[in-house]
PDB file of N, CA and C in Angstrom:
ATOM      1  N   UNK A   1     119.117  49.527 148.036  1.00  0.00           N
ATOM      2  CA  UNK A   1     118.644  50.328 146.928  1.00  0.00           C
ATOM      3  C   UNK A   1     117.524  51.241 147.395  1.00  0.00           C
ATOM      4  N   UNK A   2     117.470  52.392 146.754  1.00  0.00           N
ATOM      5  CA  UNK A   2     116.433  53.373 147.059  1.00  0.00           C
ATOM      6  C   UNK A   2     115.773  53.858 145.778  1.00  0.00           C
ATOM      7  N   UNK A   3     114.521  54.267 145.917  1.00  0.00           N
ATOM      8  CA  UNK A   3     113.797  54.892 144.822  1.00  0.00           C
ATOM      9  C   UNK A   3     113.313  56.248 145.317  1.00  0.00           C
ATOM     10  N   UNK A   4     113.464  57.271 144.502  1.00  0.00           N
ATOM     11  CA  UNK A   4     112.973  58.609 144.824  1.00  0.00           C
ATOM     12  C   UNK A   4     111.706  58.870 144.031  1.00  0.00           C
ATOM     13  N   UNK A   5     110.641  59.238 144.727  1.00  0.00           N
ATOM     14  CA  UNK A   5     109.382  59.625 144.093  1.00  0.00           C
ATOM     15  C   UNK A   5     109.148  61.095 144.407  1.00  0.00           C
ATOM     16  N   UNK A   6     109.185  61.926 143.391  1.00  0.00           N
ATOM     17  CA  UNK A   6     109.027  63.365 143.558  1.00  0.00           C
ATOM     18  C   UNK A   6     107.595  63.759 143.223  1.00  0.00           C
ATOM     19  N   UNK A   7     106.841  64.135 144.248  1.00  0.00           N
ATOM     20  CA  UNK A   7     105.445  64.569 144.109  1.00  0.00           C
ATOM     21  C   UNK A   7     104.581  63.515 143.394  1.00  0.00           C
ATOM     22  N   UNK A   8     104.604  62.254 143.840  1.00  0.00           N
ATOM     23  CA  UNK A   8     103.842  61.225 143.128  1.00  0.00           C
ATOM     24  C   UNK A   8     102.327  61.387 143.211  1.00  0.00           C
ATOM     25  N   UNK A   9     101.824  62.142 144.190  1.00  0.00           N
ATOM     26  CA  UNK A   9     100.380  62.273 144.360  1.00  0.00           C
ATOM     27  C   UNK A   9      99.810  63.567 143.780  1.00  0.00           C
ATOM     28  N   UNK A  10     100.627  64.328 143.088  1.00  0.00           N
ATOM     29  CA  UNK A  10     100.185  65.619 142.577  1.00  0.00           C
ATOM     30  C   UNK A  10      99.398  65.461 141.280  1.00  0.00           C
ATOM     31  N   UNK A  11      98.199  66.023 141.258  1.00  0.00           N
ATOM     32  CA  UNK A  11      97.406  66.110 140.035  1.00  0.00           C
ATOM     33  C   UNK A  11      96.854  64.797 139.523  1.00  0.00           C
ATOM     34  N   UNK A  12      96.666  63.816 140.410  1.00  0.00           N
ATOM     35  CA  UNK A  12      96.121  62.543 139.948  1.00  0.00           C
ATOM     36  C   UNK A  12      94.850  62.208 140.720  1.00  0.00           C
ATOM     37  N   UNK A  13      94.082  61.278 140.162  1.00  0.00           N
ATOM     38  CA  UNK A  13      92.792  60.924 140.750  1.00  0.00           C
ATOM     39  C   UNK A  13      92.973  59.949 141.923  1.00  0.00           C
ATOM     40  N   UNK A  14      91.939  59.794 142.739  1.00  0.00           N
ATOM     41  CA  UNK A  14      92.035  58.923 143.912  1.00  0.00           C
ATOM     42  C   UNK A  14      92.407  57.472 143.592  1.00  0.00           C
ATOM     43  N   UNK A  15      91.959  56.948 142.456  1.00  0.00           N
ATOM     44  CA  UNK A  15      92.330  55.575 142.099  1.00  0.00           C
ATOM     45  C   UNK A  15      93.824  55.455 141.847  1.00  0.00           C
ATOM     46  N   UNK A  16      94.397  56.428 141.174  1.00  0.00           N
ATOM     47  CA  UNK A  16      95.840  56.416 140.919  1.00  0.00           C
ATOM     48  C   UNK A  16      96.615  56.574 142.225  1.00  0.00           C
ATOM     49  N   UNK A  17      96.113  57.399 143.136  1.00  0.00           N
ATOM     50  CA  UNK A  17      96.754  57.548 144.447  1.00  0.00           C
ATOM     51  C   UNK A  17      96.776  56.204 145.170  1.00  0.00           C
ATOM     52  N   UNK A  18      95.672  55.488 145.126  1.00  0.00           N
ATOM     53  CA  UNK A  18      95.599  54.175 145.756  1.00  0.00           C
ATOM     54  C   UNK A  18      96.584  53.198 145.119  1.00  0.00           C
ATOM     55  N   UNK A  19      96.668  53.214 143.793  1.00  0.00           N
ATOM     56  CA  UNK A  19      97.604  52.327 143.086  1.00  0.00           C
ATOM     57  C   UNK A  19      99.050  52.629 143.464  1.00  0.00           C
ATOM     58  N   UNK A  20      99.397  53.905 143.512  1.00  0.00           N
ATOM     59  CA  UNK A  20     100.766  54.288 143.874  1.00  0.00           C
ATOM     60  C   UNK A  20     101.056  53.902 145.321  1.00  0.00           C
ATOM     61  N   UNK A  21     100.101  54.119 146.202  1.00  0.00           N
ATOM     62  CA  UNK A  21     100.280  53.749 147.609  1.00  0.00           C
ATOM     63  C   UNK A  21     100.516  52.247 147.748  1.00  0.00           C
ATOM     64  N   UNK A  22      99.739  51.454 147.024  1.00  0.00           N
ATOM     65  CA  UNK A  22      99.923  50.000 147.057  1.00  0.00           C
ATOM     66  C   UNK A  22     101.300  49.613 146.532  1.00  0.00           C
ATOM     67  N   UNK A  23     101.747  50.264 145.483  1.00  0.00           N
ATOM     68  CA  UNK A  23     103.065  49.980 144.917  1.00  0.00           C
ATOM     69  C   UNK A  23     104.174  50.312 145.917  1.00  0.00           C
ATOM     70  N   UNK A  24     104.061  51.448 146.588  1.00  0.00           N
ATOM     71  CA  UNK A  24     105.071  51.831 147.580  1.00  0.00           C
ATOM     72  C   UNK A  24     105.105  50.804 148.714  1.00  0.00           C
ATOM     73  N   UNK A  25     103.947  50.373 149.184  1.00  0.00           N
ATOM     74  CA  UNK A  25     103.906  49.355 150.242  1.00  0.00           C
ATOM     75  C   UNK A  25     104.567  48.053 149.774  1.00  0.00           C
ATOM     76  N   UNK A  26     104.310  47.668 148.536  1.00  0.00           N
ATOM     77  CA  UNK A  26     104.921  46.463 147.973  1.00  0.00           C
ATOM     78  C   UNK A  26     106.440  46.606 147.920  1.00  0.00           C
ATOM     79  N   UNK A  27     106.923  47.735 147.460  1.00  0.00           N
ATOM     80  CA  UNK A  27     108.367  47.957 147.375  1.00  0.00           C
ATOM     81  C   UNK A  27     109.010  47.911 148.759  1.00  0.00           C
ATOM     82  N   UNK A  28     108.335  48.497 149.753  1.00  0.00           N
ATOM     83  CA  UNK A  28     108.844  48.454 151.128  1.00  0.00           C
ATOM     84  C   UNK A  28     108.937  47.013 151.627  1.00  0.00           C
ATOM     85  N   UNK A  29     107.918  46.212 151.336  1.00  0.00           N
ATOM     86  CA  UNK A  29     107.926  44.811 151.756  1.00  0.00           C
ATOM     87  C   UNK A  29     109.074  44.041 151.112  1.00  0.00           C
ATOM     88  N   UNK A  30     109.458  44.444 149.917  1.00  0.00           N
ATOM     89  CA  UNK A  30     110.555  43.789 149.197  1.00  0.00           C
ATOM     90  C   UNK A  30     111.922  44.307 149.636  1.00  0.00           C
ATOM     91  N   UNK A  31     111.938  45.258 150.576  1.00  0.00           N
ATOM     92  CA  UNK A  31     113.193  45.759 151.116  1.00  0.00           C
ATOM     93  C   UNK A  31     113.789  46.944 150.384  1.00  0.00           C
ATOM     94  N   UNK A  32     113.039  47.530 149.479  1.00  0.00           N
ATOM     95  CA  UNK A  32     113.516  48.709 148.752  1.00  0.00           C
ATOM     96  C   UNK A  32     113.163  49.959 149.548  1.00  0.00           C
ATOM     97  N   UNK A  33     114.126  50.835 149.745  1.00  0.00           N
ATOM     98  CA  UNK A  33     113.858  52.108 150.396  1.00  0.00           C
ATOM     99  C   UNK A  33     113.166  53.049 149.424  1.00  0.00           C
ATOM    100  N   UNK A  34     112.176  53.767 149.904  1.00  0.00           N
ATOM    101  CA  UNK A  34     111.435  54.699 149.055  1.00  0.00           C
ATOM    102  C   UNK A  34     111.467  56.068 149.723  1.00  0.00           C
ATOM    103  N   UNK A  35     112.031  57.043 149.030  1.00  0.00           N
ATOM    104  CA  UNK A  35     112.092  58.422 149.505  1.00  0.00           C
ATOM    105  C   UNK A  35     111.056  59.216 148.723  1.00  0.00           C
ATOM    106  N   UNK A  36     110.119  59.832 149.441  1.00  0.00           N
ATOM    107  CA  UNK A  36     109.013  60.549 148.805  1.00  0.00           C
ATOM    108  C   UNK A  36     109.063  62.014 149.205  1.00  0.00           C
ATOM    109  N   UNK A  37     108.968  62.895 148.211  1.00  0.00           N
ATOM    110  CA  UNK A  37     108.759  64.314 148.481  1.00  0.00           C
ATOM    111  C   UNK A  37     107.372  64.653 147.959  1.00  0.00           C
ATOM    112  N   UNK A  38     106.534  65.209 148.816  1.00  0.00           N
ATOM    113  CA  UNK A  38     105.173  65.512 148.379  1.00  0.00           C
ATOM    114  C   UNK A  38     104.520  66.487 149.347  1.00  0.00           C
ATOM    115  N   UNK A  39     103.596  67.290 148.832  1.00  0.00           N
ATOM    116  CA  UNK A  39     102.819  68.207 149.666  1.00  0.00           C
ATOM    117  C   UNK A  39     101.482  67.598 150.086  1.00  0.00           C
ATOM    118  N   UNK A  40     101.154  66.439 149.564  1.00  0.00           N
ATOM    119  CA  UNK A  40      99.904  65.764 149.913  1.00  0.00           C
ATOM    120  C   UNK A  40     100.118  65.004 151.222  1.00  0.00           C
ATOM    121  N   UNK A  41      99.953  65.715 152.318  1.00  0.00           N
ATOM    122  CA  UNK A  41     100.320  65.203 153.636  1.00  0.00           C
ATOM    123  C   UNK A  41      99.535  63.955 154.014  1.00  0.00           C
ATOM    124  N   UNK A  42      98.233  63.973 153.847  1.00  0.00           N
ATOM    125  CA  UNK A  42      97.417  62.828 154.262  1.00  0.00           C
ATOM    126  C   UNK A  42      97.861  61.546 153.570  1.00  0.00           C
ATOM    127  N   UNK A  43      97.972  61.611 152.253  1.00  0.00           N
ATOM    128  CA  UNK A  43      98.333  60.427 151.482  1.00  0.00           C
ATOM    129  C   UNK A  43      99.740  59.948 151.821  1.00  0.00           C
ATOM    130  N   UNK A  44     100.662  60.885 151.946  1.00  0.00           N
ATOM    131  CA  UNK A  44     102.054  60.519 152.190  1.00  0.00           C
ATOM    132  C   UNK A  44     102.233  59.900 153.570  1.00  0.00           C
ATOM    133  N   UNK A  45     101.643  60.503 154.591  1.00  0.00           N
ATOM    134  CA  UNK A  45     101.824  59.984 155.948  1.00  0.00           C
ATOM    135  C   UNK A  45     101.192  58.610 156.143  1.00  0.00           C
ATOM    136  N   UNK A  46     100.264  58.234 155.279  1.00  0.00           N
ATOM    137  CA  UNK A  46      99.640  56.918 155.392  1.00  0.00           C
ATOM    138  C   UNK A  46     100.564  55.787 154.955  1.00  0.00           C
ATOM    139  N   UNK A  47     101.629  56.101 154.208  1.00  0.00           N
ATOM    140  CA  UNK A  47     102.462  55.028 153.661  1.00  0.00           C
ATOM    141  C   UNK A  47     103.917  55.081 154.110  1.00  0.00           C
ATOM    142  N   UNK A  48     104.287  56.080 154.909  1.00  0.00           N
ATOM    143  CA  UNK A  48     105.692  56.196 155.310  1.00  0.00           C
ATOM    144  C   UNK A  48     105.900  55.701 156.739  1.00  0.00           C
ATOM    145  N   UNK A  49     107.149  55.325 157.025  1.00  0.00           N
ATOM    146  CA  UNK A  49     107.532  54.941 158.382  1.00  0.00           C
ATOM    147  C   UNK A  49     108.060  56.141 159.157  1.00  0.00           C
ATOM    148  N   UNK A  50     108.636  57.084 158.425  1.00  0.00           N
ATOM    149  CA  UNK A  50     109.258  58.266 159.029  1.00  0.00           C
ATOM    150  C   UNK A  50     109.048  59.440 158.079  1.00  0.00           C
ATOM    151  N   UNK A  51     108.867  60.630 158.656  1.00  0.00           N
ATOM    152  CA  UNK A  51     108.655  61.827 157.841  1.00  0.00           C
ATOM    153  C   UNK A  51     109.561  62.951 158.317  1.00  0.00           C
ATOM    154  N   UNK A  52     109.987  63.756 157.370  1.00  0.00           N
ATOM    155  CA  UNK A  52     110.766  64.966 157.648  1.00  0.00           C
ATOM    156  C   UNK A  52     109.963  66.136 157.116  1.00  0.00           C
ATOM    157  N   UNK A  53     109.686  67.104 157.958  1.00  0.00           N
ATOM    158  CA  UNK A  53     108.941  68.290 157.551  1.00  0.00           C
ATOM    159  C   UNK A  53     109.941  69.428 157.390  1.00  0.00           C
ATOM    160  N   UNK A  54     109.991  69.972 156.173  1.00  0.00           N
ATOM    161  CA  UNK A  54     110.895  71.080 155.867  1.00  0.00           C
ATOM    162  C   UNK A  54     110.130  72.394 155.970  1.00  0.00           C
ATOM    163  N   UNK A  55     110.799  73.395 156.513  1.00  0.00           N
ATOM    164  CA  UNK A  55     110.211  74.732 156.590  1.00  0.00           C
ATOM    165  C   UNK A  55     111.334  75.741 156.463  1.00  0.00           C
ATOM    166  N   UNK A  56     111.205  76.639 155.523  1.00  0.00           N
ATOM    167  CA  UNK A  56     112.183  77.705 155.323  1.00  0.00           C
ATOM    168  C   UNK A  56     113.597  77.145 155.107  1.00  0.00           C
ATOM    169  N   UNK A  57     113.656  76.038 154.347  1.00  0.00           N
ATOM    170  CA  UNK A  57     114.939  75.445 153.993  1.00  0.00           C
ATOM    171  C   UNK A  57     115.602  74.614 155.070  1.00  0.00           C
ATOM    172  N   UNK A  58     114.916  74.379 156.167  1.00  0.00           N
ATOM    173  CA  UNK A  58     115.469  73.623 157.296  1.00  0.00           C
ATOM    174  C   UNK A  58     114.519  72.479 157.661  1.00  0.00           C
ATOM    175  N   UNK A  59     115.067  71.447 158.287  1.00  0.00           N
ATOM    176  CA  UNK A  59     114.217  70.389 158.827  1.00  0.00           C
ATOM    177  C   UNK A  59     113.570  70.926 160.098  1.00  0.00           C
ATOM    178  N   UNK A  60     112.272  71.100 160.048  1.00  0.00           N
ATOM    179  CA  UNK A  60     111.520  71.593 161.202  1.00  0.00           C
ATOM    180  C   UNK A  60     111.315  70.477 162.227  1.00  0.00           C
ATOM    181  N   UNK A  61     111.006  69.284 161.721  1.00  0.00           N
ATOM    182  CA  UNK A  61     110.715  68.161 162.610  1.00  0.00           C
ATOM    183  C   UNK A  61     110.858  66.874 161.825  1.00  0.00           C
ATOM    184  N   UNK A  62     111.229  65.801 162.508  1.00  0.00           N
ATOM    185  CA  UNK A  62     111.202  64.478 161.888  1.00  0.00           C
ATOM    186  C   UNK A  62     110.773  63.461 162.920  1.00  0.00           C
ATOM    187  N   UNK A  63     110.090  62.443 162.438  1.00  0.00           N
ATOM    188  CA  UNK A  63     109.617  61.396 163.332  1.00  0.00           C
ATOM    189  C   UNK A  63     108.584  60.533 162.643  1.00  0.00           C
ATOM    190  N   UNK A  64     107.889  59.754 163.436  1.00  0.00           N
ATOM    191  CA  UNK A  64     106.831  58.889 162.913  1.00  0.00           C
ATOM    192  C   UNK A  64     105.691  59.761 162.385  1.00  0.00           C
ATOM    193  N   UNK A  65     104.862  59.209 161.502  1.00  0.00           N
ATOM    194  CA  UNK A  65     103.713  59.994 161.026  1.00  0.00           C
ATOM    195  C   UNK A  65     102.846  60.522 162.172  1.00  0.00           C
ATOM    196  N   UNK A  66     102.656  59.700 163.196  1.00  0.00           N
ATOM    197  CA  UNK A  66     101.830  60.125 164.328  1.00  0.00           C
ATOM    198  C   UNK A  66     102.454  61.309 165.059  1.00  0.00           C
ATOM    199  N   UNK A  67     103.771  61.251 165.252  1.00  0.00           N
ATOM    200  CA  UNK A  67     104.426  62.348 165.970  1.00  0.00           C
ATOM    201  C   UNK A  67     104.451  63.625 165.141  1.00  0.00           C
ATOM    202  N   UNK A  68     104.530  63.496 163.827  1.00  0.00           N
ATOM    203  CA  UNK A  68     104.478  64.676 162.953  1.00  0.00           C
ATOM    204  C   UNK A  68     103.134  65.375 163.117  1.00  0.00           C
ATOM    205  N   UNK A  69     102.059  64.600 163.093  1.00  0.00           N
ATOM    206  CA  UNK A  69     100.722  65.178 163.202  1.00  0.00           C
ATOM    207  C   UNK A  69     100.472  65.835 164.555  1.00  0.00           C
ATOM    208  N   UNK A  70     101.156  65.379 165.584  1.00  0.00           N
ATOM    209  CA  UNK A  70     100.948  65.918 166.927  1.00  0.00           C
ATOM    210  C   UNK A  70     101.903  67.050 167.287  1.00  0.00           C
ATOM    211  N   UNK A  71     102.929  67.272 166.475  1.00  0.00           N
ATOM    212  CA  UNK A  71     103.931  68.274 166.813  1.00  0.00           C
ATOM    213  C   UNK A  71     103.362  69.685 166.685  1.00  0.00           C
ATOM    214  N   UNK A  72     103.496  70.478 167.733  1.00  0.00           N
ATOM    215  CA  UNK A  72     102.932  71.831 167.754  1.00  0.00           C
ATOM    216  C   UNK A  72     103.553  72.737 166.694  1.00  0.00           C
ATOM    217  N   UNK A  73     104.863  72.654 166.499  1.00  0.00           N
ATOM    218  CA  UNK A  73     105.521  73.498 165.491  1.00  0.00           C
ATOM    219  C   UNK A  73     105.044  73.159 164.089  1.00  0.00           C
ATOM    220  N   UNK A  74     104.912  71.878 163.789  1.00  0.00           N
ATOM    221  CA  UNK A  74     104.428  71.449 162.472  1.00  0.00           C
ATOM    222  C   UNK A  74     103.014  71.960 162.250  1.00  0.00           C
ATOM    223  N   UNK A  75     102.175  71.845 163.254  1.00  0.00           N
ATOM    224  CA  UNK A  75     100.785  72.314 163.119  1.00  0.00           C
ATOM    225  C   UNK A  75     100.744  73.837 162.964  1.00  0.00           C
ATOM    226  N   UNK A  76     101.610  74.524 163.670  1.00  0.00           N
ATOM    227  CA  UNK A  76     101.597  75.988 163.635  1.00  0.00           C
ATOM    228  C   UNK A  76     102.058  76.534 162.281  1.00  0.00           C
ATOM    229  N   UNK A  77     103.138  75.994 161.722  1.00  0.00           N
ATOM    230  CA  UNK A  77     103.717  76.614 160.523  1.00  0.00           C
ATOM    231  C   UNK A  77     103.402  75.885 159.220  1.00  0.00           C
ATOM    232  N   UNK A  78     102.892  74.649 159.294  1.00  0.00           N
ATOM    233  CA  UNK A  78     102.686  73.913 158.043  1.00  0.00           C
ATOM    234  C   UNK A  78     101.272  73.356 157.894  1.00  0.00           C
ATOM    235  N   UNK A  79     100.805  72.607 158.865  1.00  0.00           N
ATOM    236  CA  UNK A  79      99.509  71.949 158.733  1.00  0.00           C
ATOM    237  C   UNK A  79      98.335  72.854 159.060  1.00  0.00           C
ATOM    238  N   UNK A  80      98.506  73.720 160.041  1.00  0.00           N
ATOM    239  CA  UNK A  80      97.395  74.524 160.533  1.00  0.00           C
ATOM    240  C   UNK A  80      96.693  73.789 161.663  1.00  0.00           C
ATOM    241  N   UNK A  81      96.099  74.535 162.540  1.00  0.00           N
ATOM    242  CA  UNK A  81      95.455  73.951 163.718  1.00  0.00           C
ATOM    243  C   UNK A  81      94.231  73.112 163.363  1.00  0.00           C
ATOM    244  N   UNK A  82      93.579  73.402 162.242  1.00  0.00           N
ATOM    245  CA  UNK A  82      92.358  72.690 161.864  1.00  0.00           C
ATOM    246  C   UNK A  82      92.627  71.408 161.084  1.00  0.00           C
ATOM    247  N   UNK A  83      93.899  71.128 160.768  1.00  0.00           N
ATOM    248  CA  UNK A  83      94.230  69.950 159.967  1.00  0.00           C
ATOM    249  C   UNK A  83      93.807  68.675 160.686  1.00  0.00           C
ATOM    250  N   UNK A  84      93.131  67.800 159.963  1.00  0.00           N
ATOM    251  CA  UNK A  84      92.738  66.491 160.493  1.00  0.00           C
ATOM    252  C   UNK A  84      93.170  65.428 159.495  1.00  0.00           C
ATOM    253  N   UNK A  85      93.906  64.462 159.985  1.00  0.00           N
ATOM    254  CA  UNK A  85      94.385  63.387 159.112  1.00  0.00           C
ATOM    255  C   UNK A  85      93.224  62.493 158.778  1.00  0.00           C
TER     256      UNK A  85
END
Protein backbone atom coordinates (compact mmCIF):
# COMPACT_ATOMS: atom_id res chain seq x y z
CA UNK A 1 0.00 0.00 0.00
CA UNK A 2 1.04 3.55 -0.70
CA UNK A 3 -0.05 6.97 0.50
CA UNK A 4 0.40 10.12 -1.58
CA UNK A 5 1.05 13.38 0.28
CA UNK A 6 0.83 16.40 -2.01
CA UNK A 7 2.67 19.43 -0.58
CA UNK A 8 2.19 18.39 3.08
CA UNK A 9 4.62 21.03 4.38
CA UNK A 10 3.16 24.02 2.55
CA UNK A 11 1.80 26.89 4.64
CA UNK A 12 2.03 25.23 8.04
CA UNK A 13 3.91 26.03 11.23
CA UNK A 14 7.04 24.22 12.44
CA UNK A 15 5.11 22.17 15.02
CA UNK A 16 2.79 20.81 12.34
CA UNK A 17 5.80 20.03 10.13
CA UNK A 18 7.30 18.03 12.99
CA UNK A 19 4.01 16.17 13.56
CA UNK A 20 3.70 15.28 9.87
CA UNK A 21 7.34 14.17 9.74
CA UNK A 22 6.79 11.91 12.75
CA UNK A 23 3.67 10.45 11.14
CA UNK A 24 5.52 9.71 7.89
CA UNK A 25 8.32 7.97 9.82
CA UNK A 26 5.72 5.90 11.70
CA UNK A 27 3.99 4.88 8.47
CA UNK A 28 7.34 3.87 6.95
CA UNK A 29 8.11 1.72 10.00
CA UNK A 30 4.74 0.01 9.53
CA UNK A 31 5.67 -0.85 5.94
CA UNK A 32 3.47 1.68 4.17
CA UNK A 33 5.02 3.40 1.17
CA UNK A 34 4.74 7.18 1.26
CA UNK A 35 5.08 9.26 -1.91
CA UNK A 36 5.61 12.96 -1.19
CA UNK A 37 5.56 15.87 -3.61
CA UNK A 38 6.79 19.08 -2.03
CA UNK A 39 8.94 22.15 -2.65
CA UNK A 40 10.11 22.25 0.98
CA UNK A 41 13.42 20.54 0.26
CA UNK A 42 14.94 20.58 3.74
CA UNK A 43 11.92 19.07 5.45
CA UNK A 44 11.26 16.51 2.73
CA UNK A 45 14.82 15.23 2.42
CA UNK A 46 14.96 14.64 6.17
CA UNK A 47 12.26 11.96 6.01
CA UNK A 48 12.69 10.22 2.65
CA UNK A 49 14.85 7.28 1.61
CA UNK A 50 14.97 8.32 -2.05
CA UNK A 51 14.22 11.56 -3.89
CA UNK A 52 13.42 12.46 -7.48
CA UNK A 53 14.12 16.02 -8.59
CA UNK A 54 11.96 17.19 -11.49
CA UNK A 55 13.03 20.01 -13.78
CA UNK A 56 11.27 21.18 -16.91
CA UNK A 57 8.95 18.16 -16.86
CA UNK A 58 11.77 15.61 -16.68
CA UNK A 59 13.51 13.71 -13.90
CA UNK A 60 16.74 15.65 -13.47
CA UNK A 61 18.20 13.36 -10.83
CA UNK A 62 17.20 10.64 -8.39
CA UNK A 63 18.99 9.09 -5.47
CA UNK A 64 19.49 9.25 -1.74
CA UNK A 65 18.89 12.59 0.00
CA UNK A 66 22.65 12.98 0.42
CA UNK A 67 23.34 12.40 -3.26
CA UNK A 68 20.60 14.86 -4.26
CA UNK A 69 22.20 17.58 -2.15
CA UNK A 70 25.62 16.92 -3.67
CA UNK A 71 24.55 16.67 -7.31
CA UNK A 72 25.93 19.57 -9.36
CA UNK A 73 22.96 19.70 -11.77
CA UNK A 74 20.45 19.81 -8.90
CA UNK A 75 22.39 22.60 -7.22
CA UNK A 76 22.73 24.53 -10.48
CA UNK A 77 19.10 24.46 -11.64
CA UNK A 78 17.04 23.92 -8.48
CA UNK A 79 18.74 24.40 -5.12
CA UNK A 80 21.28 27.09 -5.93
CA UNK A 81 24.92 27.06 -4.94
CA UNK A 82 24.25 28.70 -1.55
CA UNK A 83 21.70 26.08 -0.44
CA UNK A 84 22.58 24.46 2.88
CA UNK A 85 20.57 21.59 4.28
